[in-house]
C-alpha atoms as a PDB file:
ATOM      1  CA  MET A   1      -3.757 -19.319   2.392  1.00  0.00           C
ATOM      2  CA  THR A   2      -0.127 -19.344   1.287  1.00  0.00           C
ATOM      3  CA  THR A   3       2.933 -20.327   3.411  1.00  0.00           C
ATOM      4  CA  THR A   4       6.559 -19.644   2.782  1.00  0.00           C
ATOM      5  CA  THR A   5       9.615 -22.174   3.131  1.00  0.00           C
ATOM      6  CA  ALA A   6      13.269 -22.025   2.837  1.00  0.00           C
ATOM      7  CA  GLY A   7      15.003 -22.733  -0.557  1.00  0.00           C
ATOM      8  CA  PRO A   8      17.005 -21.181  -3.320  1.00  0.00           C
ATOM      9  CA  LEU A   9      17.444 -17.318  -2.987  1.00  0.00           C
ATOM     10  CA  CYS A  10      15.390 -14.765  -4.812  1.00  0.00           C
ATOM     11  CA  PRO A  11      17.732 -12.595  -6.914  1.00  0.00           C
ATOM     12  CA  ALA A  12      16.056  -9.269  -5.993  1.00  0.00           C
ATOM     13  CA  CYS A  13      15.892  -9.775  -2.101  1.00  0.00           C
ATOM     14  CA  SER A  14      17.828 -12.958  -1.046  1.00  0.00           C
ATOM     15  CA  ARG A  15      14.751 -14.478   0.669  1.00  0.00           C
ATOM     16  CA  GLY A  16      14.367 -18.255   0.250  1.00  0.00           C
ATOM     17  CA  LEU A  17      12.066 -19.217  -2.583  1.00  0.00           C
ATOM     18  CA  HIS A  18       8.996 -21.315  -2.112  1.00  0.00           C
ATOM     19  CA  PRO A  19       8.936 -24.484  -4.131  1.00  0.00           C
ATOM     20  CA  ASP A  20       6.188 -23.064  -6.564  1.00  0.00           C
ATOM     21  CA  GLU A  21       8.492 -19.908  -7.193  1.00  0.00           C
ATOM     22  CA  LEU A  22      11.560 -21.870  -8.512  1.00  0.00           C
ATOM     23  CA  ASP A  23      10.883 -21.037 -12.030  1.00  0.00           C
ATOM     24  CA  ARG A  24      10.624 -17.351 -11.248  1.00  0.00           C
ATOM     25  CA  TRP A  25      13.194 -14.444 -10.935  1.00  0.00           C
ATOM     26  CA  LEU A  26      11.081 -12.809  -8.128  1.00  0.00           C
ATOM     27  CA  CYS A  27       9.798 -14.417  -4.982  1.00  0.00           C
ATOM     28  CA  GLY A  28       6.276 -13.966  -3.734  1.00  0.00           C
ATOM     29  CA  ALA A  29       7.078 -11.049  -1.492  1.00  0.00           C
ATOM     30  CA  CYS A  30       8.917  -9.129  -4.267  1.00  0.00           C
ATOM     31  CA  LEU A  31       6.147  -9.851  -6.698  1.00  0.00           C
ATOM     32  CA  ARG A  32       3.472  -8.587  -4.156  1.00  0.00           C
ATOM     33  CA  ALA A  33       5.596  -5.519  -3.631  1.00  0.00           C
ATOM     34  CA  VAL A  34       5.711  -4.531  -7.180  1.00  0.00           C
ATOM     35  CA  ARG A  35       1.992  -5.210  -7.455  1.00  0.00           C
ATOM     36  CA  ALA A  36       1.473  -2.924  -4.493  1.00  0.00           C
ATOM     37  CA  TRP A  37       3.737  -0.189  -5.903  1.00  0.00           C
ATOM     38  CA  LEU A  38       1.576  -0.043  -9.069  1.00  0.00           C
ATOM     39  CA  ALA A  39      -1.619   0.073  -7.092  1.00  0.00           C
ATOM     40  CA  GLU A  40      -0.407   2.780  -4.708  1.00  0.00           C
ATOM     41  CA  LEU A  41       0.842   5.036  -7.503  1.00  0.00           C
ATOM     42  CA  PRO A  42      -2.325   6.706  -8.518  1.00  0.00           C
ATOM     43  CA  ALA A  43      -2.885   7.919  -4.956  1.00  0.00           C
ATOM     44  CA  GLN A  44       0.761   9.105  -4.939  1.00  0.00           C
ATOM     45  CA  LEU A  45       0.423  10.820  -8.216  1.00  0.00           C
ATOM     46  CA  VAL A  46      -2.479  13.089  -6.801  1.00  0.00           C
ATOM     47  CA  VAL A  47      -0.264  14.327  -3.875  1.00  0.00           C
ATOM     48  CA  LEU A  48       2.796  14.652  -6.242  1.00  0.00           C
ATOM     49  CA  ARG A  49       0.768  16.893  -8.613  1.00  0.00           C
ATOM     50  CA  GLY A  50      -0.219  19.067  -5.620  1.00  0.00           C
ATOM     51  CA  SER A  51       3.511  19.312  -4.709  1.00  0.00           C
ATOM     52  CA  ARG A  52       4.748  20.991  -7.979  1.00  0.00           C
ATOM     53  CA  LEU A  53       4.984  24.624  -6.543  1.00  0.00           C
ATOM     54  CA  ARG A  54       7.920  25.757  -4.483  1.00  0.00           C
ATOM     55  CA  GLU A  55       7.188  26.259  -0.835  1.00  0.00           C
ATOM     56  CA  THR A  56       7.333  29.867   0.265  1.00  0.00           C
ATOM     57  CA  THR A  57       8.145  31.502   3.437  1.00  0.00           C
ATOM     58  CA  ASP A  58       7.998  34.918   4.865  1.00  0.00           C
ATOM     59  CA  GLY A  59      11.588  35.038   6.013  1.00  0.00           C
ATOM     60  CA  PRO A  60      14.230  37.652   4.608  1.00  0.00           C
ATOM     61  CA  ARG A  61      15.369  37.389   1.072  1.00  0.00           C
ATOM     62  CA  VAL A  62      18.902  36.311   0.616  1.00  0.00           C
ATOM     63  CA  ALA A  63      20.988  38.018  -1.971  1.00  0.00           C
ATOM     64  CA  GLY A  64      22.479  35.915  -4.644  1.00  0.00           C
ATOM     65  CA  SER A  65      21.869  35.377  -8.458  1.00  0.00           C
ATOM     66  CA  ARG A  66      19.851  38.052 -10.306  1.00  0.00           C
ATOM     67  CA  THR A  67      18.053  34.963 -11.993  1.00  0.00           C
ATOM     68  CA  PRO A  68      14.700  34.399 -10.209  1.00  0.00           C
ATOM     69  CA  PRO A  69      14.073  30.804  -9.255  1.00  0.00           C
ATOM     70  CA  LEU A  70      11.612  28.748 -11.164  1.00  0.00           C
ATOM     71  CA  PRO A  71       8.201  28.701  -9.644  1.00  0.00           C
ATOM     72  CA  GLY A  72       8.019  24.900  -9.621  1.00  0.00           C
ATOM     73  CA  ARG A  73       9.933  22.263  -7.807  1.00  0.00           C
ATOM     74  CA  LEU A  74      12.323  20.795 -10.414  1.00  0.00           C
ATOM     75  CA  ASP A  75      12.443  17.353  -8.713  1.00  0.00           C
ATOM     76  CA  THR A  76       8.680  17.179  -8.858  1.00  0.00           C
ATOM     77  CA  LEU A  77       8.456  18.570 -12.447  1.00  0.00           C
ATOM     78  CA  ASN A  78      11.037  16.097 -13.525  1.00  0.00           C
ATOM     79  CA  LEU A  79       8.995  13.055 -12.268  1.00  0.00           C
ATOM     80  CA  LEU A  80       5.817  14.471 -13.773  1.00  0.00           C
ATOM     81  CA  GLY A  81       7.450  15.509 -17.173  1.00  0.00           C
ATOM     82  CA  PRO A  82       6.799  13.862 -20.567  1.00  0.00           C
ATOM     83  CA  CYS A  83       8.924  11.121 -21.802  1.00  0.00           C
ATOM     84  CA  SER A  84      10.268  10.119 -25.181  1.00  0.00           C
ATOM     85  CA  PRO A  85       8.089   7.490 -26.938  1.00  0.00           C
ATOM     86  CA  GLY A  86      11.155   5.280 -27.315  1.00  0.00           C
ATOM     87  CA  ASP A  87      14.371   4.309 -25.264  1.00  0.00           C
ATOM     88  CA  VAL A  88      16.749   7.139 -24.857  1.00  0.00           C
ATOM     89  CA  THR A  89      20.441   6.808 -24.361  1.00  0.00           C
ATOM     90  CA  ASP A  90      22.718   9.426 -22.598  1.00  0.00           C
ATOM     91  CA  PRO A  91      26.317   8.993 -23.693  1.00  0.00           C
ATOM     92  CA  HIS A  92      27.408  12.218 -22.473  1.00  0.00           C
ATOM     93  CA  GLY A  93      25.923  12.167 -19.164  1.00  0.00           C
ATOM     94  CA  ASP A  94      23.557  15.143 -19.647  1.00  0.00           C
ATOM     95  CA  GLN A  95      20.548  13.534 -17.972  1.00  0.00           C
ATOM     96  CA  HIS A  96      20.122  14.906 -14.385  1.00  0.00           C
ATOM     97  CA  GLY A  97      17.674  13.639 -11.614  1.00  0.00           C
ATOM     98  CA  PRO A  98      15.381  10.760 -11.749  1.00  0.00           C
ATOM     99  CA  LEU A  99      13.601   9.649 -15.045  1.00  0.00           C
ATOM    100  CA  PRO A 100      10.072  10.802 -15.473  1.00  0.00           C
ATOM    101  CA  ILE A 101       7.486   8.146 -14.071  1.00  0.00           C
ATOM    102  CA  ALA A 102       5.800   7.909 -17.533  1.00  0.00           C
ATOM    103  CA  GLY A 103       9.305   7.009 -18.838  1.00  0.00           C
ATOM    104  CA  VAL A 104      10.031   4.360 -16.286  1.00  0.00           C
ATOM    105  CA  LEU A 105       6.700   2.631 -16.734  1.00  0.00           C
ATOM    106  CA  GLY A 106       6.449   3.235 -20.487  1.00  0.00           C
ATOM    107  CA  SER A 107       9.719   1.433 -21.308  1.00  0.00           C
ATOM    108  CA  TRP A 108       8.486  -1.753 -19.250  1.00  0.00           C
ATOM    109  CA  VAL A 109       5.084  -1.434 -21.070  1.00  0.00           C
ATOM    110  CA  ARG A 110       6.668  -1.410 -24.448  1.00  0.00           C
ATOM    111  CA  LEU A 111       8.988  -4.468 -23.425  1.00  0.00           C
ATOM    112  CA  VAL A 112       5.894  -6.588 -22.240  1.00  0.00           C
ATOM    113  CA  ALA A 113       3.836  -5.492 -25.187  1.00  0.00           C
ATOM    114  CA  GLU A 114       6.589  -6.578 -27.745  1.00  0.00           C
ATOM    115  CA  ASP A 115       7.441  -9.741 -26.008  1.00  0.00           C
ATOM    116  CA  ARG A 116       3.930 -10.844 -25.666  1.00  0.00           C
ATOM    117  CA  HIS A 117       2.680  -9.328 -28.968  1.00  0.00           C
ATOM    118  CA  LEU A 118       0.100  -7.209 -27.449  1.00  0.00           C
ATOM    119  CA  GLU A 119      -1.330  -3.593 -28.003  1.00  0.00           C
ATOM    120  CA  GLY A 120      -0.168  -1.192 -25.344  1.00  0.00           C
ATOM    121  CA  PRO A 121      -2.670   0.986 -23.415  1.00  0.00           C
ATOM    122  CA  GLN A 122      -4.524   3.627 -25.300  1.00  0.00           C
ATOM    123  CA  ARG A 123      -3.251   6.554 -23.190  1.00  0.00           C
ATOM    124  CA  GLY A 124       0.340   7.347 -22.316  1.00  0.00           C
ATOM    125  CA  ASP A 125      -0.017   8.585 -18.690  1.00  0.00           C
ATOM    126  CA  PRO A 126       1.454   6.842 -15.619  1.00  0.00           C
ATOM    127  CA  GLU A 127      -1.932   5.759 -14.296  1.00  0.00           C
ATOM    128  CA  HIS A 128      -2.754   3.626 -17.498  1.00  0.00           C
ATOM    129  CA  PHE A 129       0.689   2.391 -17.691  1.00  0.00           C
ATOM    130  CA  ALA A 130       0.498   1.102 -14.160  1.00  0.00           C
ATOM    131  CA  ALA A 131      -2.989  -0.443 -14.684  1.00  0.00           C
ATOM    132  CA  TRP A 132      -1.863  -2.044 -17.845  1.00  0.00           C
ATOM    133  CA  LEU A 133       1.052  -3.596 -16.273  1.00  0.00           C
ATOM    134  CA  GLY A 134      -0.544  -5.139 -13.360  1.00  0.00           C
ATOM    135  CA  PRO A 135      -2.230  -7.966 -15.138  1.00  0.00           C
ATOM    136  CA  HIS A 136       1.023  -9.139 -16.587  1.00  0.00           C
ATOM    137  CA  LEU A 137       3.085  -9.337 -13.489  1.00  0.00           C
ATOM    138  CA  ASP A 138       2.706 -13.027 -12.974  1.00  0.00           C
ATOM    139  CA  TRP A 139       4.324 -13.448 -16.446  1.00  0.00           C
ATOM    140  CA  ALA A 140       7.023 -10.825 -15.908  1.00  0.00           C
ATOM    141  CA  ALA A 141       8.144 -12.494 -12.772  1.00  0.00           C
ATOM    142  CA  GLY A 142       9.341 -15.448 -15.022  1.00  0.00           C
ATOM    143  CA  GLN A 143      11.389 -13.314 -17.170  1.00  0.00           C
ATOM    144  CA  PRO A 144      15.287 -12.769 -16.574  1.00  0.00           C
ATOM    145  CA  TRP A 145      14.665  -8.974 -16.361  1.00  0.00           C
ATOM    146  CA  ALA A 146      12.165  -9.221 -13.570  1.00  0.00           C
ATOM    147  CA  THR A 147      14.761  -8.328 -10.975  1.00  0.00           C
ATOM    148  CA  GLU A 148      15.615  -5.001 -12.991  1.00  0.00           C
ATOM    149  CA  LEU A 149      11.848  -4.370 -13.048  1.00  0.00           C
ATOM    150  CA  HIS A 150      11.606  -4.721  -9.215  1.00  0.00           C
ATOM    151  CA  THR A 151      14.760  -2.512  -8.741  1.00  0.00           C
ATOM    152  CA  GLU A 152      13.666   0.218 -10.995  1.00  0.00           C
ATOM    153  CA  LEU A 153       9.981   0.386  -9.636  1.00  0.00           C
ATOM    154  CA  GLN A 154      11.461   0.436  -6.059  1.00  0.00           C
ATOM    155  CA  GLN A 155      13.714   3.344  -6.747  1.00  0.00           C
ATOM    156  CA  MET A 156      10.835   5.335  -8.467  1.00  0.00           C
ATOM    157  CA  MET A 157       8.607   4.847  -5.408  1.00  0.00           C
ATOM    158  CA  ARG A 158      11.423   5.702  -3.052  1.00  0.00           C
ATOM    159  CA  THR A 159      11.764   8.818  -4.989  1.00  0.00           C
ATOM    160  CA  ILE A 160       8.051   9.817  -5.091  1.00  0.00           C
ATOM    161  CA  ARG A 161       7.624   9.073  -1.291  1.00  0.00           C
ATOM    162  CA  GLY A 162      10.649  11.194  -0.583  1.00  0.00           C
ATOM    163  CA  ILE A 163       8.661  14.204  -1.988  1.00  0.00           C
ATOM    164  CA  THR A 164       5.134  13.349  -1.087  1.00  0.00           C
ATOM    165  CA  ARG A 165       6.132  12.113   2.373  1.00  0.00           C
ATOM    166  CA  VAL A 166       3.174   9.643   2.043  1.00  0.00           C
ATOM    167  CA  ARG A 167       4.027   6.090   2.930  1.00  0.00           C
ATOM    168  CA  PRO A 168       2.019   2.871   3.374  1.00  0.00           C
ATOM    169  CA  ARG A 169       0.903   2.081   6.823  1.00  0.00           C
ATOM    170  CA  THR A 170       1.045  -1.485   8.362  1.00  0.00           C
ATOM    171  CA  ARG A 171      -1.914  -1.991  10.691  1.00  0.00           C
ATOM    172  CA  ALA A 172      -2.083  -5.033  13.145  1.00  0.00           C
ATOM    173  CA  ILE A 173      -5.143  -7.414  12.777  1.00  0.00           C
ATOM    174  CA  PRO A 174      -6.624  -8.132  16.216  1.00  0.00           C
ATOM    175  CA  ARG A 175      -7.099 -11.909  15.822  1.00  0.00           C
ATOM    176  CA  PRO A 176      -4.947 -15.071  15.932  1.00  0.00           C
ATOM    177  CA  CYS A 177      -3.272 -16.387  12.919  1.00  0.00           C
ATOM    178  CA  PRO A 178      -5.114 -19.524  11.656  1.00  0.00           C
ATOM    179  CA  SER A 179      -1.926 -21.323  11.097  1.00  0.00           C
ATOM    180  CA  CYS A 180       0.112 -20.731  14.216  1.00  0.00           C
ATOM    181  CA  ALA A 181      -2.458 -19.042  16.565  1.00  0.00           C
ATOM    182  CA  THR A 182      -0.077 -16.137  17.371  1.00  0.00           C
ATOM    183  CA  LEU A 183      -1.304 -12.499  17.372  1.00  0.00           C
ATOM    184  CA  ALA A 184       0.903 -11.496  14.572  1.00  0.00           C
ATOM    185  CA  LEU A 185      -1.435 -10.706  11.729  1.00  0.00           C
ATOM    186  CA  ALA A 186      -0.731  -7.425   9.914  1.00  0.00           C
ATOM    187  CA  LYS A 187      -2.036  -5.790   6.768  1.00  0.00           C
ATOM    188  CA  THR A 188       0.005  -3.118   4.682  1.00  0.00           C
ATOM    189  CA  ASP A 189      -1.716  -0.643   2.624  1.00  0.00           C
ATOM    190  CA  TRP A 190      -1.940  -1.516  -1.056  1.00  0.00           C
ATOM    191  CA  GLN A 191      -0.942  -5.148  -0.327  1.00  0.00           C
ATOM    192  CA  THR A 192      -3.277  -7.914  -1.465  1.00  0.00           C
ATOM    193  CA  TYR A 193      -2.563 -10.346   1.535  1.00  0.00           C
ATOM    194  CA  VAL A 194      -2.737 -10.038   5.474  1.00  0.00           C
ATOM    195  CA  GLU A 195       0.534 -11.435   6.616  1.00  0.00           C
ATOM    196  CA  CYS A 196       1.458 -13.405   9.721  1.00  0.00           C
ATOM    197  CA  GLN A 197       4.742 -11.825  10.951  1.00  0.00           C
ATOM    198  CA  ALA A 198       5.481 -15.028  13.122  1.00  0.00           C
ATOM    199  CA  CYS A 199       5.091 -17.767  10.518  1.00  0.00           C
ATOM    200  CA  GLY A 200       4.848 -16.015   7.219  1.00  0.00           C
ATOM    201  CA  SER A 201       1.401 -17.282   6.261  1.00  0.00           C
ATOM    202  CA  LEU A 202      -0.606 -15.131   3.887  1.00  0.00           C
ATOM    203  CA  TYR A 203      -4.439 -14.645   3.872  1.00  0.00           C
ATOM    204  CA  THR A 204      -6.802 -12.569   1.674  1.00  0.00           C
ATOM    205  CA  ASP A 205      -9.482 -10.763   3.585  1.00  0.00           C
ATOM    206  CA  THR A 206     -12.018 -13.292   2.332  1.00  0.00           C
ATOM    207  CA  GLU A 207     -10.010 -16.255   3.730  1.00  0.00           C
ATOM    208  CA  LEU A 208      -9.868 -14.634   7.017  1.00  0.00           C
ATOM    209  CA  ALA A 209     -13.545 -13.681   7.118  1.00  0.00           C
ATOM    210  CA  ASP A 210     -14.408 -17.333   6.116  1.00  0.00           C
ATOM    211  CA  THR A 211     -12.134 -18.661   9.002  1.00  0.00           C
ATOM    212  CA  ALA A 212     -13.724 -16.346  11.581  1.00  0.00           C
ATOM    213  CA  ALA A 213     -17.181 -17.456  10.547  1.00  0.00           C
ATOM    214  CA  ALA A 214     -16.182 -21.051  10.722  1.00  0.00           C
ATOM    215  CA  GLU A 215     -14.664 -20.460  14.241  1.00  0.00           C
ATOM    216  CA  LEU A 216     -17.844 -18.645  15.367  1.00  0.00           C
ATOM    217  CA  ALA A 217     -19.992 -21.423  14.092  1.00  0.00           C
ATOM    218  CA  ARG A 218     -17.897 -23.967  15.930  1.00  0.00           C
ATOM    219  CA  LEU A 219     -18.201 -22.022  19.157  1.00  0.00           C
ATOM    220  CA  GLN A 220     -21.990 -21.722  18.824  1.00  0.00           C
ATOM    221  CA  ARG A 221     -22.414 -25.517  18.413  1.00  0.00           C
ATOM    222  CA  GLU A 222     -20.166 -26.237  21.406  1.00  0.00           C
ATOM    223  CA  GLU A 223     -22.488 -23.772  23.401  1.00  0.00           C
ATOM    224  CA  GLN A 224     -25.480 -25.600  22.216  1.00  0.00           C
ATOM    225  CA  ASP A 225     -24.055 -28.966  22.951  1.00  0.00           C
ATOM    226  CA  THR A 226     -23.012 -27.722  26.614  1.00  0.00           C
ATOM    227  CA  ALA A 227     -26.665 -26.284  27.081  1.00  0.00           C
ATOM    228  CA  ALA A 228     -28.363 -29.472  26.124  1.00  0.00           C
END
């Protein structure tokens, strides 16, 4: 179980930092968000790849350019497109639209691999980039560029969700918070923890199950003592 307290502000979201986060550039909430975005990405890619073709209607044709439209959606094709194996500069402003997903993730993979003297993933697709980055996020949160990582991935996921129309759901957990006893527990898709919306405490599913088992055992003992 983890609780949050006020302190110095997170550079990414201006939340108060917990004492054990003071040596990081991302608070726990921002770090969990980045982790959840990487976990969410493979499912989003399935929908995104199915959204490559333009939607067609049976309405009347509108006169205009003689050049027929491309059969695919440019925004989707751009996101799914290949990327340069190295960093790209755009001094003339010729780059239009969001960077390919592989380009965004690939640049961070290269940076982490170089800084930590590691080999990158064997395959250069977004799924492998996301899976490779995940285990390095705790280290990345302590780097000065962590806020930029958070900002770029946040914008990338916002763009993807704008096309797929698939967004994480937050579901209420029908049991009291073990810390404050309020009915304010909630779990968001792809997040590691269940969070209490009242006191900010965080629990894993295992911790909540253990707490429930302990509470049930206590009630059973009380019933037995009453019956005796």
